[in-house]
Amino acid sequence: MALRTFCFAIVAFLLCGCAQMLGKPPLSPPAGAAILSCDTPACTVKVSVKCEAYVFCKIESQYDWIQVRRGNSPVITWEVDTPGYTFSDAGIAFATGSPFMCNPAEGRRRFMCNDRHEPGTYKYTITLIGFPFVWPKDPFVENQ
């Protein structure tokens, strides 16, 4: 009987975890998120790599959430400021059908995206190449 209860608990735990991964992006920035209010024709976001003990590295974006005001269709530029790292070919990637057109620049040290401004919240992925390896990061752009 205890084994059956234990197995049921494990299955319920896994289903709850998977249920949180599916769904829509959040409606607003999470508490404590660094927010860029992009209300000019051009906005810039610095991207860096932070390491602990040289092997535990992660991507850190200057802003976790970019809010683009109504009526603004900016060029958003991401810049890598950690030596030895560049953006991958798809360094800044939005889902197909999003209002963003992105291209690398300056030897993939920068990535520039034109925002055609369709209201909504869009998750994007930052992918860097360098050593030590870093996992991609998934922040958001909110077109208001």
Protein backbone atom coordinates (compact mmCIF):
# COMPACT_ATOMS: atom_id res chain seq x y z
CA MET A 1 0.00 0.00 0.00
CA ALA A 2 2.79 2.46 0.86
CA LEU A 3 4.48 1.78 -2.48
CA ARG A 4 1.27 2.58 -4.36
CA THR A 5 0.89 5.87 -2.48
CA PHE A 6 4.52 6.75 -3.10
CA CYS A 7 4.19 6.06 -6.85
CA PHE A 8 1.00 8.12 -7.01
CA ALA A 9 2.76 11.03 -5.26
CA ILE A 10 5.67 10.88 -7.72
CA VAL A 11 3.33 10.90 -10.73
CA ALA A 12 1.30 13.79 -9.28
CA PHE A 13 4.50 15.75 -8.61
CA LEU A 14 5.73 15.24 -12.19
CA LEU A 15 2.37 16.22 -13.69
CA CYS A 16 2.26 19.42 -11.63
CA GLY A 17 5.79 20.30 -12.72
CA CYS A 18 4.96 19.76 -16.39
CA ALA A 19 1.74 21.74 -16.10
CA GLN A 20 3.72 24.80 -15.00
CA MET A 21 5.96 24.60 -18.08
CA LEU A 22 3.04 24.88 -20.49
CA GLY A 23 0.90 27.93 -21.00
CA LYS A 24 1.11 31.58 -21.88
CA PRO A 25 3.85 34.02 -20.92
CA PRO A 26 3.31 35.99 -17.72
CA LEU A 27 1.10 39.08 -17.95
CA SER A 28 3.54 41.26 -16.05
CA PRO A 29 7.17 41.23 -14.97
CA PRO A 30 8.00 38.97 -12.02
CA ALA A 31 8.81 40.63 -8.72
CA GLY A 32 12.35 41.97 -8.66
CA ALA A 33 12.83 41.81 -12.45
CA ALA A 34 15.08 44.43 -14.05
CA ILE A 35 12.82 46.31 -16.48
CA LEU A 36 13.83 48.41 -19.50
CA SER A 37 11.20 50.95 -20.51
CA CYS A 38 11.89 51.29 -24.23
CA ASP A 39 10.17 54.49 -25.37
CA THR A 40 12.77 55.71 -27.88
CA PRO A 41 13.56 54.57 -31.46
CA ALA A 42 16.59 52.57 -30.24
CA CYS A 43 17.17 50.61 -27.02
CA THR A 44 20.25 48.67 -25.90
CA VAL A 45 20.61 45.67 -23.59
CA LYS A 46 23.99 44.49 -22.28
CA VAL A 47 24.50 40.72 -22.04
CA SER A 48 27.28 39.17 -19.99
CA VAL A 49 28.45 35.83 -18.64
CA LYS A 50 28.95 35.43 -14.89
CA CYS A 51 30.91 32.47 -13.55
CA GLU A 52 31.37 30.93 -10.13
CA ALA A 53 34.47 28.77 -9.74
CA TYR A 54 35.05 29.26 -13.48
CA VAL A 55 32.82 26.33 -14.49
CA PHE A 56 29.38 27.30 -13.19
CA CYS A 57 28.54 30.02 -15.71
CA LYS A 58 25.26 31.61 -16.74
CA ILE A 59 24.02 34.33 -19.05
CA GLU A 60 23.01 37.55 -17.33
CA SER A 61 20.99 40.11 -19.21
CA GLN A 62 21.00 43.71 -18.03
CA TYR A 63 17.19 43.61 -18.25
CA ASP A 64 14.86 40.63 -17.68
CA TRP A 65 11.86 42.38 -19.17
CA ILE A 66 11.66 44.97 -21.96
CA GLN A 67 8.51 47.09 -22.13
CA VAL A 68 7.90 48.82 -25.47
CA ARG A 69 5.39 51.66 -25.28
CA ARG A 70 2.46 51.96 -27.70
CA GLY A 71 3.29 53.66 -30.96
CA ASN A 72 6.99 52.80 -30.70
CA SER A 73 8.63 50.40 -33.18
CA PRO A 74 12.23 50.44 -31.94
CA VAL A 75 15.42 48.69 -32.94
CA ILE A 76 16.47 46.71 -29.87
CA THR A 77 20.19 45.91 -29.73
CA TRP A 78 21.76 43.27 -27.50
CA GLU A 79 25.53 43.56 -26.90
CA VAL A 80 27.83 40.91 -25.42
CA ASP A 81 30.32 42.55 -23.05
CA THR A 82 32.16 39.43 -21.82
CA PRO A 83 35.41 38.70 -23.71
CA GLY A 84 35.50 35.30 -25.42
CA TYR A 85 31.74 35.10 -26.02
CA THR A 86 29.66 35.90 -29.10
CA PHE A 87 26.06 35.33 -30.09
CA SER A 88 25.28 32.11 -31.96
CA ASP A 89 23.75 32.35 -35.46
CA ALA A 90 20.34 32.53 -33.75
CA GLY A 91 21.69 34.55 -30.80
CA ILE A 92 18.39 36.34 -30.17
CA ALA A 93 15.50 34.14 -31.26
CA PHE A 94 11.79 34.87 -31.06
CA ALA A 95 9.07 32.39 -31.97
CA THR A 96 8.02 32.16 -35.60
CA GLY A 97 5.29 34.66 -36.39
CA SER A 98 6.44 37.22 -33.81
CA PRO A 99 6.80 40.87 -34.88
CA PHE A 100 10.62 40.80 -34.56
CA MET A 101 13.19 40.64 -37.39
CA CYS A 102 16.65 39.92 -35.95
CA ASN A 103 20.17 39.89 -37.40
CA PRO A 104 23.71 39.63 -36.00
CA ALA A 105 26.13 42.56 -36.31
CA GLU A 106 29.79 43.34 -35.60
CA GLY A 107 31.04 39.77 -35.81
CA ARG A 108 28.13 38.49 -33.69
CA ARG A 109 29.11 40.70 -30.71
CA ARG A 110 25.78 42.49 -31.23
CA PHE A 111 22.30 41.36 -32.27
CA MET A 112 19.76 43.84 -33.59
CA CYS A 113 16.00 43.26 -33.81
CA ASN A 114 13.40 45.47 -35.49
CA ASP A 115 10.16 45.45 -33.50
CA ARG A 116 7.10 45.93 -35.74
CA HIS A 117 5.13 46.41 -32.52
CA GLU A 118 2.18 44.10 -32.32
CA PRO A 119 0.76 44.17 -28.77
CA GLY A 120 1.59 41.12 -26.67
CA THR A 121 4.26 39.51 -24.52
CA TYR A 122 6.99 37.65 -26.41
CA LYS A 123 9.53 35.26 -24.94
CA TYR A 124 12.89 35.17 -26.66
CA THR A 125 16.05 33.10 -26.22
CA ILE A 126 19.57 34.44 -25.79
CA THR A 127 22.21 31.93 -26.97
CA LEU A 128 25.94 32.57 -26.64
CA ILE A 129 28.99 30.68 -27.88
CA GLY A 130 32.16 30.60 -25.80
CA PHE A 131 34.05 28.76 -23.11
CA PRO A 132 32.98 27.73 -20.56
CA PHE A 133 29.62 26.68 -22.00
CA VAL A 134 26.50 28.58 -20.87
CA TRP A 135 22.85 27.51 -21.11
CA PRO A 136 20.47 29.80 -23.05
CA LYS A 137 18.40 32.39 -21.19
CA ASP A 138 14.72 33.18 -21.86
CA PRO A 139 13.61 36.76 -21.03
CA PHE A 140 10.57 38.68 -22.38
CA VAL A 141 9.60 41.68 -24.48
CA GLU A 142 6.20 43.25 -23.79
CA ASN A 143 4.69 45.34 -26.56
CA GLN A 144 2.07 47.45 -24.82
